[in-house]
């Protein structure tokens, strides 16, 4: 059953990392893409929606990491699973949202 906990930590890492841009954009009062926009993931949602979505992601990440299995910061496998999930969603987000914010092209000076 340890693989099930590791899978949970991977998804937990993805939810925790996904909470950051939504909560920060919302707290700054800026609209940002969310699953509730039209079209989903491309259109902009209000800052309030993003704060709510960010904190929902934070809660789900907490449940998946802290309430499933016995996550230990000193256990390399646990931390690696969380990091892989966080890195995967971070890389996906950089590529996906870079299309809308100019982050996929070379830097212009």
PDB file of N, CA and C in Angstrom:
ATOM      1  N   UNK A   1       0.796  -1.201   0.000  1.00  0.00           N
ATOM      2  CA  UNK A   1       0.000   0.000   0.000  1.00  0.00           C
ATOM      3  C   UNK A   1       0.848   1.280   0.000  1.00  0.00           C
ATOM      4  N   UNK A   2       2.182   1.243   0.197  1.00  0.00           N
ATOM      5  CA  UNK A   2       2.951   2.486   0.179  1.00  0.00           C
ATOM      6  C   UNK A   2       2.856   3.219  -1.163  1.00  0.00           C
ATOM      7  N   UNK A   3       2.682   2.496  -2.255  1.00  0.00           N
ATOM      8  CA  UNK A   3       2.598   3.161  -3.556  1.00  0.00           C
ATOM      9  C   UNK A   3       1.354   4.028  -3.638  1.00  0.00           C
ATOM     10  N   UNK A   4       0.286   3.638  -2.956  1.00  0.00           N
ATOM     11  CA  UNK A   4      -0.937   4.435  -2.950  1.00  0.00           C
ATOM     12  C   UNK A   4      -0.719   5.754  -2.204  1.00  0.00           C
ATOM     13  N   UNK A   5       0.031   5.693  -1.113  1.00  0.00           N
ATOM     14  CA  UNK A   5       0.369   6.915  -0.387  1.00  0.00           C
ATOM     15  C   UNK A   5       1.246   7.818  -1.248  1.00  0.00           C
ATOM     16  N   UNK A   6       2.223   7.233  -1.942  1.00  0.00           N
ATOM     17  CA  UNK A   6       3.103   8.024  -2.803  1.00  0.00           C
ATOM     18  C   UNK A   6       2.315   8.688  -3.932  1.00  0.00           C
ATOM     19  N   UNK A   7       1.352   7.979  -4.481  1.00  0.00           N
ATOM     20  CA  UNK A   7       0.490   8.553  -5.516  1.00  0.00           C
ATOM     21  C   UNK A   7      -0.311   9.726  -4.944  1.00  0.00           C
ATOM     22  N   UNK A   8      -0.814   9.556  -3.728  1.00  0.00           N
ATOM     23  CA  UNK A   8      -1.549  10.630  -3.066  1.00  0.00           C
ATOM     24  C   UNK A   8      -0.644  11.845  -2.843  1.00  0.00           C
ATOM     25  N   UNK A   9       0.605  11.624  -2.444  1.00  0.00           N
ATOM     26  CA  UNK A   9       1.532  12.732  -2.223  1.00  0.00           C
ATOM     27  C   UNK A   9       1.860  13.451  -3.527  1.00  0.00           C
ATOM     28  N   UNK A  10       1.952  12.697  -4.620  1.00  0.00           N
ATOM     29  CA  UNK A  10       2.195  13.312  -5.928  1.00  0.00           C
ATOM     30  C   UNK A  10       1.056  14.233  -6.328  1.00  0.00           C
ATOM     31  N   UNK A  11      -0.165  13.749  -6.186  1.00  0.00           N
ATOM     32  CA  UNK A  11      -1.326  14.584  -6.495  1.00  0.00           C
ATOM     33  C   UNK A  11      -1.440  15.737  -5.498  1.00  0.00           C
ATOM     34  N   UNK A  12      -1.097  15.472  -4.251  1.00  0.00           N
ATOM     35  CA  UNK A  12      -1.102  16.527  -3.250  1.00  0.00           C
ATOM     36  C   UNK A  12      -0.131  17.640  -3.604  1.00  0.00           C
ATOM     37  N   UNK A  13       1.054  17.270  -4.081  1.00  0.00           N
ATOM     38  CA  UNK A  13       2.030  18.268  -4.517  1.00  0.00           C
ATOM     39  C   UNK A  13       1.507  19.097  -5.669  1.00  0.00           C
ATOM     40  N   UNK A  14       0.795  18.455  -6.588  1.00  0.00           N
ATOM     41  CA  UNK A  14       0.217  19.182  -7.719  1.00  0.00           C
ATOM     42  C   UNK A  14      -0.839  20.176  -7.241  1.00  0.00           C
ATOM     43  N   UNK A  15      -1.693  19.755  -6.317  1.00  0.00           N
ATOM     44  CA  UNK A  15      -2.718  20.666  -5.794  1.00  0.00           C
ATOM     45  C   UNK A  15      -2.088  21.815  -5.011  1.00  0.00           C
ATOM     46  N   UNK A  16      -1.059  21.525  -4.210  1.00  0.00           N
ATOM     47  CA  UNK A  16      -0.407  22.579  -3.438  1.00  0.00           C
ATOM     48  C   UNK A  16       0.265  23.599  -4.355  1.00  0.00           C
ATOM     49  N   UNK A  17       0.949  23.117  -5.388  1.00  0.00           N
ATOM     50  CA  UNK A  17       1.602  24.040  -6.327  1.00  0.00           C
ATOM     51  C   UNK A  17       0.565  24.838  -7.110  1.00  0.00           C
ATOM     52  N   UNK A  18      -0.546  24.214  -7.463  1.00  0.00           N
ATOM     53  CA  UNK A  18      -1.589  24.900  -8.219  1.00  0.00           C
ATOM     54  C   UNK A  18      -2.279  25.976  -7.381  1.00  0.00           C
ATOM     55  N   UNK A  19      -2.250  25.824  -6.068  1.00  0.00           N
ATOM     56  CA  UNK A  19      -2.875  26.821  -5.193  1.00  0.00           C
ATOM     57  C   UNK A  19      -2.148  28.162  -5.276  1.00  0.00           C
ATOM     58  N   UNK A  20      -0.853  28.134  -5.503  1.00  0.00           N
ATOM     59  CA  UNK A  20      -0.042  29.355  -5.429  1.00  0.00           C
ATOM     60  C   UNK A  20      -0.464  30.421  -6.438  1.00  0.00           C
ATOM     61  N   UNK A  21      -0.477  30.144  -7.759  1.00  0.00           N
ATOM     62  CA  UNK A  21      -0.809  31.231  -8.688  1.00  0.00           C
ATOM     63  C   UNK A  21      -2.234  31.746  -8.535  1.00  0.00           C
ATOM     64  N   UNK A  22      -3.158  30.855  -8.187  1.00  0.00           N
ATOM     65  CA  UNK A  22      -4.551  31.288  -8.040  1.00  0.00           C
ATOM     66  C   UNK A  22      -4.721  32.177  -6.806  1.00  0.00           C
ATOM     67  N   UNK A  23      -4.187  31.730  -5.678  1.00  0.00           N
ATOM     68  CA  UNK A  23      -4.331  32.512  -4.453  1.00  0.00           C
ATOM     69  C   UNK A  23      -3.590  33.842  -4.567  1.00  0.00           C
ATOM     70  N   UNK A  24      -2.383  33.829  -5.105  1.00  0.00           N
ATOM     71  CA  UNK A  24      -1.600  35.060  -5.210  1.00  0.00           C
ATOM     72  C   UNK A  24      -2.247  36.037  -6.185  1.00  0.00           C
ATOM     73  N   UNK A  25      -2.654  35.563  -7.357  1.00  0.00           N
ATOM     74  CA  UNK A  25      -3.316  36.458  -8.312  1.00  0.00           C
ATOM     75  C   UNK A  25      -4.578  37.052  -7.702  1.00  0.00           C
ATOM     76  N   UNK A  26      -5.369  36.214  -7.044  1.00  0.00           N
ATOM     77  CA  UNK A  26      -6.591  36.697  -6.421  1.00  0.00           C
ATOM     78  C   UNK A  26      -6.320  37.702  -5.326  1.00  0.00           C
ATOM     79  N   UNK A  27      -5.322  37.437  -4.494  1.00  0.00           N
ATOM     80  CA  UNK A  27      -5.006  38.349  -3.400  1.00  0.00           C
ATOM     81  C   UNK A  27      -4.452  39.672  -3.912  1.00  0.00           C
ATOM     82  N   UNK A  28      -3.866  39.660  -5.106  1.00  0.00           N
ATOM     83  CA  UNK A  28      -3.365  40.895  -5.704  1.00  0.00           C
ATOM     84  C   UNK A  28      -4.472  41.636  -6.452  1.00  0.00           C
ATOM     85  N   UNK A  29      -5.662  41.030  -6.494  1.00  0.00           N
ATOM     86  CA  UNK A  29      -6.786  41.657  -7.168  1.00  0.00           C
ATOM     87  C   UNK A  29      -6.752  41.511  -8.677  1.00  0.00           C
ATOM     88  N   UNK A  30      -5.994  40.547  -9.158  1.00  0.00           N
ATOM     89  CA  UNK A  30      -5.856  40.346 -10.606  1.00  0.00           C
ATOM     90  C   UNK A  30      -6.675  39.145 -11.076  1.00  0.00           C
ATOM     91  N   UNK A  31      -7.305  39.272 -12.228  1.00  0.00           N
ATOM     92  CA  UNK A  31      -7.990  38.105 -12.800  1.00  0.00           C
ATOM     93  C   UNK A  31      -6.947  37.112 -13.304  1.00  0.00           C
ATOM     94  N   UNK A  32      -7.314  35.857 -13.359  1.00  0.00           N
ATOM     95  CA  UNK A  32      -6.401  34.811 -13.817  1.00  0.00           C
ATOM     96  C   UNK A  32      -7.244  33.674 -14.381  1.00  0.00           C
ATOM     97  N   UNK A  33      -6.649  32.859 -15.233  1.00  0.00           N
ATOM     98  CA  UNK A  33      -7.362  31.719 -15.807  1.00  0.00           C
ATOM     99  C   UNK A  33      -7.728  30.733 -14.699  1.00  0.00           C
ATOM    100  N   UNK A  34      -8.897  30.126 -14.855  1.00  0.00           N
ATOM    101  CA  UNK A  34      -9.313  29.075 -13.926  1.00  0.00           C
ATOM    102  C   UNK A  34     -10.255  28.134 -14.667  1.00  0.00           C
ATOM    103  N   UNK A  35     -10.564  26.999 -14.054  1.00  0.00           N
ATOM    104  CA  UNK A  35     -11.499  26.069 -14.682  1.00  0.00           C
ATOM    105  C   UNK A  35     -12.911  26.632 -14.802  1.00  0.00           C
ATOM    106  N   UNK A  36     -13.202  27.737 -14.120  1.00  0.00           N
ATOM    107  CA  UNK A  36     -14.550  28.298 -14.120  1.00  0.00           C
ATOM    108  C   UNK A  36     -14.725  29.411 -15.146  1.00  0.00           C
ATOM    109  N   UNK A  37     -13.661  29.756 -15.856  1.00  0.00           N
ATOM    110  CA  UNK A  37     -13.719  30.816 -16.865  1.00  0.00           C
ATOM    111  C   UNK A  37     -14.323  30.253 -18.150  1.00  0.00           C
ATOM    112  N   UNK A  38     -14.607  31.139 -19.079  1.00  0.00           N
ATOM    113  CA  UNK A  38     -15.128  30.721 -20.385  1.00  0.00           C
ATOM    114  C   UNK A  38     -14.187  31.211 -21.461  1.00  0.00           C
ATOM    115  N   UNK A  39     -13.567  30.349 -22.240  1.00  0.00           N
ATOM    116  CA  UNK A  39     -13.522  28.892 -22.108  1.00  0.00           C
ATOM    117  C   UNK A  39     -12.658  28.475 -20.913  1.00  0.00           C
ATOM    118  N   UNK A  40     -12.974  27.324 -20.320  1.00  0.00           N
ATOM    119  CA  UNK A  40     -12.260  26.869 -19.127  1.00  0.00           C
ATOM    120  C   UNK A  40     -10.746  26.805 -19.352  1.00  0.00           C
ATOM    121  N   UNK A  41     -10.007  27.354 -18.405  1.00  0.00           N
ATOM    122  CA  UNK A  41      -8.555  27.321 -18.478  1.00  0.00           C
ATOM    123  C   UNK A  41      -7.947  28.332 -19.426  1.00  0.00           C
ATOM    124  N   UNK A  42      -8.781  29.095 -20.129  1.00  0.00           N
ATOM    125  CA  UNK A  42      -8.266  30.082 -21.077  1.00  0.00           C
ATOM    126  C   UNK A  42      -8.783  31.477 -20.758  1.00  0.00           C
ATOM    127  N   UNK A  43     -10.069  31.580 -20.490  1.00  0.00           N
ATOM    128  CA  UNK A  43     -10.634  32.877 -20.131  1.00  0.00           C
ATOM    129  C   UNK A  43     -10.228  33.260 -18.718  1.00  0.00           C
ATOM    130  N   UNK A  44     -10.489  34.493 -18.355  1.00  0.00           N
ATOM    131  CA  UNK A  44     -10.102  34.982 -17.036  1.00  0.00           C
ATOM    132  C   UNK A  44     -11.255  34.869 -16.042  1.00  0.00           C
ATOM    133  N   UNK A  45     -10.909  34.505 -14.816  1.00  0.00           N
ATOM    134  CA  UNK A  45     -11.871  34.497 -13.709  1.00  0.00           C
ATOM    135  C   UNK A  45     -11.525  35.650 -12.780  1.00  0.00           C
ATOM    136  N   UNK A  46     -12.507  36.086 -12.030  1.00  0.00           N
ATOM    137  CA  UNK A  46     -12.302  37.212 -11.116  1.00  0.00           C
ATOM    138  C   UNK A  46     -11.294  36.852 -10.023  1.00  0.00           C
ATOM    139  N   UNK A  47     -10.805  37.885  -9.373  1.00  0.00           N
ATOM    140  CA  UNK A  47      -9.854  37.668  -8.286  1.00  0.00           C
ATOM    141  C   UNK A  47     -10.509  36.882  -7.143  1.00  0.00           C
ATOM    142  N   UNK A  48     -11.778  37.113  -6.899  1.00  0.00           N
ATOM    143  CA  UNK A  48     -12.482  36.387  -5.834  1.00  0.00           C
ATOM    144  C   UNK A  48     -12.566  34.895  -6.153  1.00  0.00           C
ATOM    145  N   UNK A  49     -12.911  34.570  -7.386  1.00  0.00           N
ATOM    146  CA  UNK A  49     -12.975  33.166  -7.800  1.00  0.00           C
ATOM    147  C   UNK A  49     -11.602  32.520  -7.639  1.00  0.00           C
ATOM    148  N   UNK A  50     -10.543  33.246  -7.991  1.00  0.00           N
ATOM    149  CA  UNK A  50      -9.203  32.680  -7.877  1.00  0.00           C
ATOM    150  C   UNK A  50      -8.770  32.474  -6.434  1.00  0.00           C
ATOM    151  N   UNK A  51      -9.153  33.361  -5.531  1.00  0.00           N
ATOM    152  CA  UNK A  51      -8.845  33.137  -4.111  1.00  0.00           C
ATOM    153  C   UNK A  51      -9.560  31.880  -3.626  1.00  0.00           C
ATOM    154  N   UNK A  52     -10.833  31.750  -3.967  1.00  0.00           N
ATOM    155  CA  UNK A  52     -11.593  30.565  -3.559  1.00  0.00           C
ATOM    156  C   UNK A  52     -10.987  29.292  -4.150  1.00  0.00           C
ATOM    157  N   UNK A  53     -10.640  29.321  -5.429  1.00  0.00           N
ATOM    158  CA  UNK A  53     -10.060  28.157  -6.090  1.00  0.00           C
ATOM    159  C   UNK A  53      -8.681  27.841  -5.512  1.00  0.00           C
ATOM    160  N   UNK A  54      -7.892  28.856  -5.215  1.00  0.00           N
ATOM    161  CA  UNK A  54      -6.572  28.651  -4.630  1.00  0.00           C
ATOM    162  C   UNK A  54      -6.657  27.987  -3.262  1.00  0.00           C
ATOM    163  N   UNK A  55      -7.576  28.469  -2.424  1.00  0.00           N
ATOM    164  CA  UNK A  55      -7.699  27.882  -1.093  1.00  0.00           C
ATOM    165  C   UNK A  55      -8.347  26.504  -1.137  1.00  0.00           C
ATOM    166  N   UNK A  56      -9.203  26.250  -2.110  1.00  0.00           N
ATOM    167  CA  UNK A  56      -9.720  24.886  -2.291  1.00  0.00           C
ATOM    168  C   UNK A  56      -8.574  23.940  -2.645  1.00  0.00           C
ATOM    169  N   UNK A  57      -7.693  24.361  -3.558  1.00  0.00           N
ATOM    170  CA  UNK A  57      -6.526  23.549  -3.916  1.00  0.00           C
ATOM    171  C   UNK A  57      -5.632  23.313  -2.708  1.00  0.00           C
ATOM    172  N   UNK A  58      -5.450  24.327  -1.898  1.00  0.00           N
ATOM    173  CA  UNK A  58      -4.644  24.199  -0.685  1.00  0.00           C
ATOM    174  C   UNK A  58      -5.244  23.159   0.264  1.00  0.00           C
ATOM    175  N   UNK A  59      -6.550  23.197   0.427  1.00  0.00           N
ATOM    176  CA  UNK A  59      -7.231  22.230   1.294  1.00  0.00           C
ATOM    177  C   UNK A  59      -7.090  20.805   0.758  1.00  0.00           C
ATOM    178  N   UNK A  60      -7.327  20.622  -0.545  1.00  0.00           N
ATOM    179  CA  UNK A  60      -7.214  19.274  -1.137  1.00  0.00           C
ATOM    180  C   UNK A  60      -5.774  18.779  -1.023  1.00  0.00           C
ATOM    181  N   UNK A  61      -4.802  19.658  -1.287  1.00  0.00           N
ATOM    182  CA  UNK A  61      -3.400  19.274  -1.137  1.00  0.00           C
ATOM    183  C   UNK A  61      -3.082  18.849   0.287  1.00  0.00           C
ATOM    184  N   UNK A  62      -3.590  19.591   1.260  1.00  0.00           N
ATOM    185  CA  UNK A  62      -3.398  19.228   2.670  1.00  0.00           C
ATOM    186  C   UNK A  62      -3.968  17.838   2.954  1.00  0.00           C
ATOM    187  N   UNK A  63      -5.180  17.594   2.503  1.00  0.00           N
ATOM    188  CA  UNK A  63      -5.814  16.293   2.754  1.00  0.00           C
ATOM    189  C   UNK A  63      -4.991  15.172   2.121  1.00  0.00           C
ATOM    190  N   UNK A  64      -4.555  15.352   0.885  1.00  0.00           N
ATOM    191  CA  UNK A  64      -3.815  14.302   0.187  1.00  0.00           C
ATOM    192  C   UNK A  64      -2.436  14.049   0.787  1.00  0.00           C
ATOM    193  N   UNK A  65      -1.807  15.078   1.331  1.00  0.00           N
ATOM    194  CA  UNK A  65      -0.454  14.913   1.877  1.00  0.00           C
ATOM    195  C   UNK A  65      -0.471  14.583   3.368  1.00  0.00           C
ATOM    196  N   UNK A  66      -1.292  15.254   4.124  1.00  0.00           N
ATOM    197  CA  UNK A  66      -1.230  15.123   5.589  1.00  0.00           C
ATOM    198  C   UNK A  66      -2.225  14.127   6.182  1.00  0.00           C
ATOM    199  N   UNK A  67      -3.261  13.790   5.448  1.00  0.00           N
ATOM    200  CA  UNK A  67      -4.284  12.916   6.016  1.00  0.00           C
ATOM    201  C   UNK A  67      -4.308  11.533   5.372  1.00  0.00           C
ATOM    202  N   UNK A  68      -3.521  11.328   4.327  1.00  0.00           N
ATOM    203  CA  UNK A  68      -3.427  10.014   3.684  1.00  0.00           C
ATOM    204  C   UNK A  68      -2.043   9.459   3.994  1.00  0.00           C
ATOM    205  N   UNK A  69      -1.979   8.257   4.486  1.00  0.00           N
ATOM    206  CA  UNK A  69      -0.685   7.665   4.806  1.00  0.00           C
ATOM    207  C   UNK A  69      -0.035   8.385   5.973  1.00  0.00           C
ATOM    208  N   UNK A  70       1.293   8.336   6.002  1.00  0.00           N
ATOM    209  CA  UNK A  70       2.056   8.951   7.084  1.00  0.00           C
ATOM    210  C   UNK A  70       3.217   9.723   6.466  1.00  0.00           C
ATOM    211  N   UNK A  71       2.914  10.881   5.853  1.00  0.00           N
ATOM    212  CA  UNK A  71       3.924  11.684   5.175  1.00  0.00           C
ATOM    213  C   UNK A  71       5.014  12.095   6.158  1.00  0.00           C
ATOM    214  N   UNK A  72       6.277  11.904   5.740  1.00  0.00           N
ATOM    215  CA  UNK A  72       7.417  12.263   6.583  1.00  0.00           C
ATOM    216  C   UNK A  72       8.410  13.067   5.759  1.00  0.00           C
ATOM    217  N   UNK A  73       8.748  14.258   6.232  1.00  0.00           N
ATOM    218  CA  UNK A  73       9.718  15.098   5.522  1.00  0.00           C
ATOM    219  C   UNK A  73      11.091  14.446   5.434  1.00  0.00           C
ATOM    220  N   UNK A  74      11.395  13.548   6.336  1.00  0.00           N
ATOM    221  CA  UNK A  74      12.697  12.869   6.321  1.00  0.00           C
ATOM    222  C   UNK A  74      12.699  11.625   5.430  1.00  0.00           C
ATOM    223  N   UNK A  75      11.552  11.276   4.874  1.00  0.00           N
ATOM    224  CA  UNK A  75      11.461  10.123   3.970  1.00  0.00           C
ATOM    225  C   UNK A  75      11.613  10.627   2.536  1.00  0.00           C
ATOM    226  N   UNK A  76      12.724  10.263   1.918  1.00  0.00           N
ATOM    227  CA  UNK A  76      13.040  10.755   0.577  1.00  0.00           C
ATOM    228  C   UNK A  76      11.958  10.398  -0.429  1.00  0.00           C
ATOM    229  N   UNK A  77      11.411   9.222  -0.356  1.00  0.00           N
ATOM    230  CA  UNK A  77      10.376   8.810  -1.312  1.00  0.00           C
ATOM    231  C   UNK A  77       9.133   9.686  -1.179  1.00  0.00           C
ATOM    232  N   UNK A  78       8.749  10.008   0.048  1.00  0.00           N
ATOM    233  CA  UNK A  78       7.578  10.856   0.269  1.00  0.00           C
ATOM    234  C   UNK A  78       7.793  12.244  -0.330  1.00  0.00           C
ATOM    235  N   UNK A  79       8.939  12.839  -0.027  1.00  0.00           N
ATOM    236  CA  UNK A  79       9.241  14.185  -0.511  1.00  0.00           C
ATOM    237  C   UNK A  79       9.413  14.190  -2.026  1.00  0.00           C
ATOM    238  N   UNK A  80      10.035  13.162  -2.563  1.00  0.00           N
ATOM    239  CA  UNK A  80      10.225  13.070  -4.012  1.00  0.00           C
ATOM    240  C   UNK A  80       8.881  12.964  -4.733  1.00  0.00           C
ATOM    241  N   UNK A  81       7.961  12.175  -4.197  1.00  0.00           N
ATOM    242  CA  UNK A  81       6.632  12.048  -4.812  1.00  0.00           C
ATOM    243  C   UNK A  81       5.920  13.396  -4.819  1.00  0.00           C
ATOM    244  N   UNK A  82       5.968  14.116  -3.708  1.00  0.00           N
ATOM    245  CA  UNK A  82       5.341  15.434  -3.628  1.00  0.00           C
ATOM    246  C   UNK A  82       6.008  16.394  -4.616  1.00  0.00           C
ATOM    247  N   UNK A  83       7.331  16.359  -4.682  1.00  0.00           N
ATOM    248  CA  UNK A  83       8.071  17.256  -5.572  1.00  0.00           C
ATOM    249  C   UNK A  83       7.789  16.960  -7.045  1.00  0.00           C
ATOM    250  N   UNK A  84       7.667  15.696  -7.398  1.00  0.00           N
ATOM    251  CA  UNK A  84       7.368  15.335  -8.792  1.00  0.00           C
ATOM    252  C   UNK A  84       5.986  15.861  -9.179  1.00  0.00           C
ATOM    253  N   UNK A  85       5.005  15.726  -8.295  1.00  0.00           N
ATOM    254  CA  UNK A  85       3.670  16.247  -8.575  1.00  0.00           C
ATOM    255  C   UNK A  85       3.677  17.761  -8.718  1.00  0.00           C
ATOM    256  N   UNK A  86       4.395  18.441  -7.818  1.00  0.00           N
ATOM    257  CA  UNK A  86       4.469  19.906  -7.875  1.00  0.00           C
ATOM    258  C   UNK A  86       5.204  20.356  -9.134  1.00  0.00           C
ATOM    259  N   UNK A  87       6.307  19.687  -9.464  1.00  0.00           N
ATOM    260  CA  UNK A  87       7.078  20.049 -10.647  1.00  0.00           C
ATOM    261  C   UNK A  87       6.270  19.823 -11.923  1.00  0.00           C
ATOM    262  N   UNK A  88       5.544  18.718 -11.979  1.00  0.00           N
ATOM    263  CA  UNK A  88       4.753  18.400 -13.178  1.00  0.00           C
ATOM    264  C   UNK A  88       3.694  19.475 -13.440  1.00  0.00           C
ATOM    265  N   UNK A  89       2.958  19.877 -12.409  1.00  0.00           N
ATOM    266  CA  UNK A  89       1.926  20.901 -12.631  1.00  0.00           C
ATOM    267  C   UNK A  89       2.567  22.253 -12.893  1.00  0.00           C
ATOM    268  N   UNK A  90       3.708  22.531 -12.270  1.00  0.00           N
ATOM    269  CA  UNK A  90       4.401  23.804 -12.509  1.00  0.00           C
ATOM    270  C   UNK A  90       4.869  23.903 -13.955  1.00  0.00           C
ATOM    271  N   UNK A  91       5.447  22.834 -14.474  1.00  0.00           N
ATOM    272  CA  UNK A  91       5.909  22.829 -15.859  1.00  0.00           C
ATOM    273  C   UNK A  91       4.735  22.924 -16.830  1.00  0.00           C
ATOM    274  N   UNK A  92       3.681  22.174 -16.559  1.00  0.00           N
ATOM    275  CA  UNK A  92       2.487  22.248 -17.405  1.00  0.00           C
ATOM    276  C   UNK A  92       1.922  23.669 -17.395  1.00  0.00           C
ATOM    277  N   UNK A  93       1.815  24.264 -16.206  1.00  0.00           N
ATOM    278  CA  UNK A  93       1.258  25.615 -16.092  1.00  0.00           C
ATOM    279  C   UNK A  93       2.111  26.637 -16.818  1.00  0.00           C
ATOM    280  N   UNK A  94       3.426  26.503 -16.704  1.00  0.00           N
ATOM    281  CA  UNK A  94       4.325  27.439 -17.389  1.00  0.00           C
ATOM    282  C   UNK A  94       4.097  27.392 -18.894  1.00  0.00           C
ATOM    283  N   UNK A  95       3.973  26.210 -19.441  1.00  0.00           N
ATOM    284  CA  UNK A  95       3.754  26.069 -20.884  1.00  0.00           C
ATOM    285  C   UNK A  95       2.354  26.526 -21.279  1.00  0.00           C
ATOM    286  N   UNK A  96       1.349  26.113 -20.520  1.00  0.00           N
ATOM    287  CA  UNK A  96      -0.042  26.443 -20.854  1.00  0.00           C
ATOM    288  C   UNK A  96      -0.313  27.938 -20.721  1.00  0.00           C
ATOM    289  N   UNK A  97      -0.003  28.525 -19.570  1.00  0.00           N
ATOM    290  CA  UNK A  97      -0.311  29.927 -19.339  1.00  0.00           C
ATOM    291  C   UNK A  97       0.690  30.848 -20.017  1.00  0.00           C
ATOM    292  N   UNK A  98       1.840  30.335 -20.383  1.00  0.00           N
ATOM    293  CA  UNK A  98       2.808  31.123 -21.140  1.00  0.00           C
ATOM    294  C   UNK A  98       2.255  31.553 -22.489  1.00  0.00           C
ATOM    295  N   UNK A  99       1.332  30.780 -23.044  1.00  0.00           N
ATOM    296  CA  UNK A  99       0.692  31.159 -24.310  1.00  0.00           C
ATOM    297  C   UNK A  99      -0.086  32.450 -24.170  1.00  0.00           C
ATOM    298  N   UNK A 100      -0.656  32.685 -22.995  1.00  0.00           N
ATOM    299  CA  UNK A 100      -1.500  33.858 -22.783  1.00  0.00           C
ATOM    300  C   UNK A 100      -0.732  35.064 -22.258  1.00  0.00           C
ATOM    301  N   UNK A 101       0.404  34.809 -21.633  1.00  0.00           N
ATOM    302  CA  UNK A 101       1.135  35.888 -20.980  1.00  0.00           C
ATOM    303  C   UNK A 101       2.513  36.131 -21.583  1.00  0.00           C
ATOM    304  N   UNK A 102       2.800  35.504 -22.727  1.00  0.00           N
ATOM    305  CA  UNK A 102       4.063  35.738 -23.418  1.00  0.00           C
ATOM    306  C   UNK A 102       5.265  35.061 -22.796  1.00  0.00           C
ATOM    307  N   UNK A 103       5.059  34.060 -21.975  1.00  0.00           N
ATOM    308  CA  UNK A 103       6.167  33.407 -21.288  1.00  0.00           C
ATOM    309  C   UNK A 103       6.836  32.288 -22.044  1.00  0.00           C
ATOM    310  N   UNK A 104       6.349  31.920 -23.228  1.00  0.00           N
ATOM    311  CA  UNK A 104       6.939  30.811 -23.954  1.00  0.00           C
ATOM    312  C   UNK A 104       7.951  31.244 -24.997  1.00  0.00           C
ATOM    313  N   UNK A 105       8.004  32.529 -25.307  1.00  0.00           N
ATOM    314  CA  UNK A 105       8.930  33.013 -26.324  1.00  0.00           C
ATOM    315  C   UNK A 105      10.234  33.480 -25.705  1.00  0.00           C
ATOM    316  N   UNK A 106      11.191  33.830 -26.564  1.00  0.00           N
ATOM    317  CA  UNK A 106      12.460  34.343 -26.033  1.00  0.00           C
ATOM    318  C   UNK A 106      12.240  35.713 -25.397  1.00  0.00           C
ATOM    319  N   UNK A 107      13.099  36.031 -24.457  1.00  0.00           N
ATOM    320  CA  UNK A 107      12.980  37.322 -23.765  1.00  0.00           C
ATOM    321  C   UNK A 107      13.294  38.456 -24.723  1.00  0.00           C
ATOM    322  N   UNK A 108      12.480  39.506 -24.644  1.00  0.00           N
ATOM    323  CA  UNK A 108      12.695  40.692 -25.476  1.00  0.00           C
ATOM    324  C   UNK A 108      13.224  41.812 -24.593  1.00  0.00           C
ATOM    325  N   UNK A 109      14.223  42.519 -25.095  1.00  0.00           N
ATOM    326  CA  UNK A 109      14.788  43.638 -24.311  1.00  0.00           C
ATOM    327  C   UNK A 109      14.512  44.922 -24.989  1.00  0.00           C
TER     328      UNK A 109
END
